[in-house]
């Protein structure tokens, strides 16, 4: 292996689960799998087992409820830019 060749490959497969079982069966089995994953003992008791996207969805809900934090520096830059191009800025 040289510095340019990392022997990396990717494969993506799309499967319609309803070709093999009913939607209800698939949904039930998926819920069982998710439950098993979430109920698995964490490696670190201070960090619970989480599913992909769980952190991001939680953060999205926080942002919807409380807004998106923006630094004072960024707000100042946005105000300056708005003034420069003649757009009203209510920040």
C-alpha atoms as a PDB file:
ATOM      1  CA  UNK A   1       0.000   0.000   0.000  1.00  0.00           C
ATOM      2  CA  UNK A   2       1.345   3.408  -0.957  1.00  0.00           C
ATOM      3  CA  UNK A   3       0.392   6.795   0.480  1.00  0.00           C
ATOM      4  CA  UNK A   4      -2.214   7.349  -2.247  1.00  0.00           C
ATOM      5  CA  UNK A   5      -3.985   3.964  -2.097  1.00  0.00           C
ATOM      6  CA  UNK A   6      -6.029   3.289   1.019  1.00  0.00           C
ATOM      7  CA  UNK A   7      -7.929   0.214  -0.247  1.00  0.00           C
ATOM      8  CA  UNK A   8     -11.258   1.758   0.716  1.00  0.00           C
ATOM      9  CA  UNK A   9     -14.471   0.474  -0.805  1.00  0.00           C
ATOM     10  CA  UNK A  10     -18.122   1.310  -0.398  1.00  0.00           C
ATOM     11  CA  UNK A  11     -21.271  -0.604  -1.206  1.00  0.00           C
ATOM     12  CA  UNK A  12     -24.830   0.593  -0.815  1.00  0.00           C
ATOM     13  CA  UNK A  13     -27.853  -1.655  -1.062  1.00  0.00           C
ATOM     14  CA  UNK A  14     -31.495  -0.591  -1.034  1.00  0.00           C
ATOM     15  CA  UNK A  15     -33.959  -3.259   0.066  1.00  0.00           C
ATOM     16  CA  UNK A  16     -37.720  -3.013   0.197  1.00  0.00           C
ATOM     17  CA  UNK A  17     -38.538  -4.896   3.421  1.00  0.00           C
ATOM     18  CA  UNK A  18     -42.174  -5.309   2.396  1.00  0.00           C
ATOM     19  CA  UNK A  19     -40.981  -7.670  -0.337  1.00  0.00           C
ATOM     20  CA  UNK A  20     -40.172 -10.115   2.488  1.00  0.00           C
ATOM     21  CA  UNK A  21     -42.670  -9.284   5.247  1.00  0.00           C
ATOM     22  CA  UNK A  22     -45.575  -7.009   6.020  1.00  0.00           C
ATOM     23  CA  UNK A  23     -44.947  -3.399   6.962  1.00  0.00           C
ATOM     24  CA  UNK A  24     -46.377  -4.123  10.422  1.00  0.00           C
ATOM     25  CA  UNK A  25     -43.937  -7.019  10.953  1.00  0.00           C
ATOM     26  CA  UNK A  26     -41.027  -4.885   9.777  1.00  0.00           C
ATOM     27  CA  UNK A  27     -42.036  -2.033  12.089  1.00  0.00           C
ATOM     28  CA  UNK A  28     -42.372  -4.417  15.043  1.00  0.00           C
ATOM     29  CA  UNK A  29     -38.987  -6.023  14.380  1.00  0.00           C
ATOM     30  CA  UNK A  30     -37.339  -2.644  13.970  1.00  0.00           C
ATOM     31  CA  UNK A  31     -38.809  -1.453  17.287  1.00  0.00           C
ATOM     32  CA  UNK A  32     -37.478  -4.620  18.956  1.00  0.00           C
ATOM     33  CA  UNK A  33     -34.005  -3.999  17.531  1.00  0.00           C
ATOM     34  CA  UNK A  34     -34.018  -0.356  18.622  1.00  0.00           C
ATOM     35  CA  UNK A  35     -35.152  -1.398  22.099  1.00  0.00           C
ATOM     36  CA  UNK A  36     -32.341  -3.956  22.359  1.00  0.00           C
ATOM     37  CA  UNK A  37     -29.766  -1.367  21.336  1.00  0.00           C
ATOM     38  CA  UNK A  38     -31.094   1.318  23.708  1.00  0.00           C
ATOM     39  CA  UNK A  39     -31.289  -1.140  26.620  1.00  0.00           C
ATOM     40  CA  UNK A  40     -27.768  -2.467  26.129  1.00  0.00           C
ATOM     41  CA  UNK A  41     -25.442  -1.680  29.024  1.00  0.00           C
ATOM     42  CA  UNK A  42     -23.243   1.306  28.169  1.00  0.00           C
ATOM     43  CA  UNK A  43     -19.479   0.948  28.128  1.00  0.00           C
ATOM     44  CA  UNK A  44     -19.286   4.169  30.147  1.00  0.00           C
ATOM     45  CA  UNK A  45     -22.115   4.692  32.646  1.00  0.00           C
ATOM     46  CA  UNK A  46     -21.794   8.465  32.187  1.00  0.00           C
ATOM     47  CA  UNK A  47     -22.567   8.125  28.460  1.00  0.00           C
ATOM     48  CA  UNK A  48     -25.822   6.341  27.588  1.00  0.00           C
ATOM     49  CA  UNK A  49     -26.186   4.188  24.496  1.00  0.00           C
ATOM     50  CA  UNK A  50     -27.515   6.359  21.691  1.00  0.00           C
ATOM     51  CA  UNK A  51     -28.831   5.679  18.222  1.00  0.00           C
ATOM     52  CA  UNK A  52     -27.492   7.413  15.104  1.00  0.00           C
ATOM     53  CA  UNK A  53     -29.011  10.886  14.844  1.00  0.00           C
ATOM     54  CA  UNK A  54     -30.299  10.919  18.425  1.00  0.00           C
ATOM     55  CA  UNK A  55     -27.925  13.689  19.537  1.00  0.00           C
ATOM     56  CA  UNK A  56     -28.739  15.763  16.457  1.00  0.00           C
ATOM     57  CA  UNK A  57     -32.516  15.365  16.839  1.00  0.00           C
ATOM     58  CA  UNK A  58     -32.255  16.334  20.508  1.00  0.00           C
ATOM     59  CA  UNK A  59     -30.243  19.407  19.619  1.00  0.00           C
ATOM     60  CA  UNK A  60     -32.753  20.310  16.901  1.00  0.00           C
ATOM     61  CA  UNK A  61     -35.591  20.239  19.442  1.00  0.00           C
ATOM     62  CA  UNK A  62     -33.540  22.405  21.832  1.00  0.00           C
ATOM     63  CA  UNK A  63     -32.891  24.913  19.054  1.00  0.00           C
ATOM     64  CA  UNK A  64     -36.565  25.023  18.099  1.00  0.00           C
ATOM     65  CA  UNK A  65     -37.540  25.716  21.692  1.00  0.00           C
ATOM     66  CA  UNK A  66     -34.760  28.097  22.681  1.00  0.00           C
ATOM     67  CA  UNK A  67     -33.302  29.412  19.452  1.00  0.00           C
ATOM     68  CA  UNK A  68     -29.913  28.996  17.850  1.00  0.00           C
ATOM     69  CA  UNK A  69     -27.032  30.430  19.847  1.00  0.00           C
ATOM     70  CA  UNK A  70     -25.024  32.971  17.870  1.00  0.00           C
ATOM     71  CA  UNK A  71     -21.872  34.660  19.128  1.00  0.00           C
ATOM     72  CA  UNK A  72     -21.800  38.436  19.575  1.00  0.00           C
ATOM     73  CA  UNK A  73     -19.056  38.597  16.984  1.00  0.00           C
ATOM     74  CA  UNK A  74     -21.255  36.843  14.422  1.00  0.00           C
ATOM     75  CA  UNK A  75     -24.208  39.109  15.223  1.00  0.00           C
ATOM     76  CA  UNK A  76     -21.973  42.162  14.751  1.00  0.00           C
ATOM     77  CA  UNK A  77     -20.756  40.825  11.409  1.00  0.00           C
ATOM     78  CA  UNK A  78     -24.329  40.163  10.272  1.00  0.00           C
ATOM     79  CA  UNK A  79     -25.385  43.679  11.293  1.00  0.00           C
ATOM     80  CA  UNK A  80     -22.430  45.185   9.439  1.00  0.00           C
ATOM     81  CA  UNK A  81     -23.202  43.151   6.331  1.00  0.00           C
ATOM     82  CA  UNK A  82     -26.891  44.061   6.468  1.00  0.00           C
ATOM     83  CA  UNK A  83     -26.011  47.752   6.740  1.00  0.00           C
ATOM     84  CA  UNK A  84     -23.526  47.417   3.887  1.00  0.00           C
ATOM     85  CA  UNK A  85     -26.116  45.996   1.506  1.00  0.00           C
ATOM     86  CA  UNK A  86     -29.052  48.038   2.805  1.00  0.00           C
ATOM     87  CA  UNK A  87     -31.055  45.263   4.411  1.00  0.00           C
ATOM     88  CA  UNK A  88     -32.937  45.721   7.681  1.00  0.00           C
ATOM     89  CA  UNK A  89     -31.433  43.572  10.432  1.00  0.00           C
ATOM     90  CA  UNK A  90     -33.441  42.927  13.586  1.00  0.00           C
ATOM     91  CA  UNK A  91     -30.674  41.129  15.473  1.00  0.00           C
END
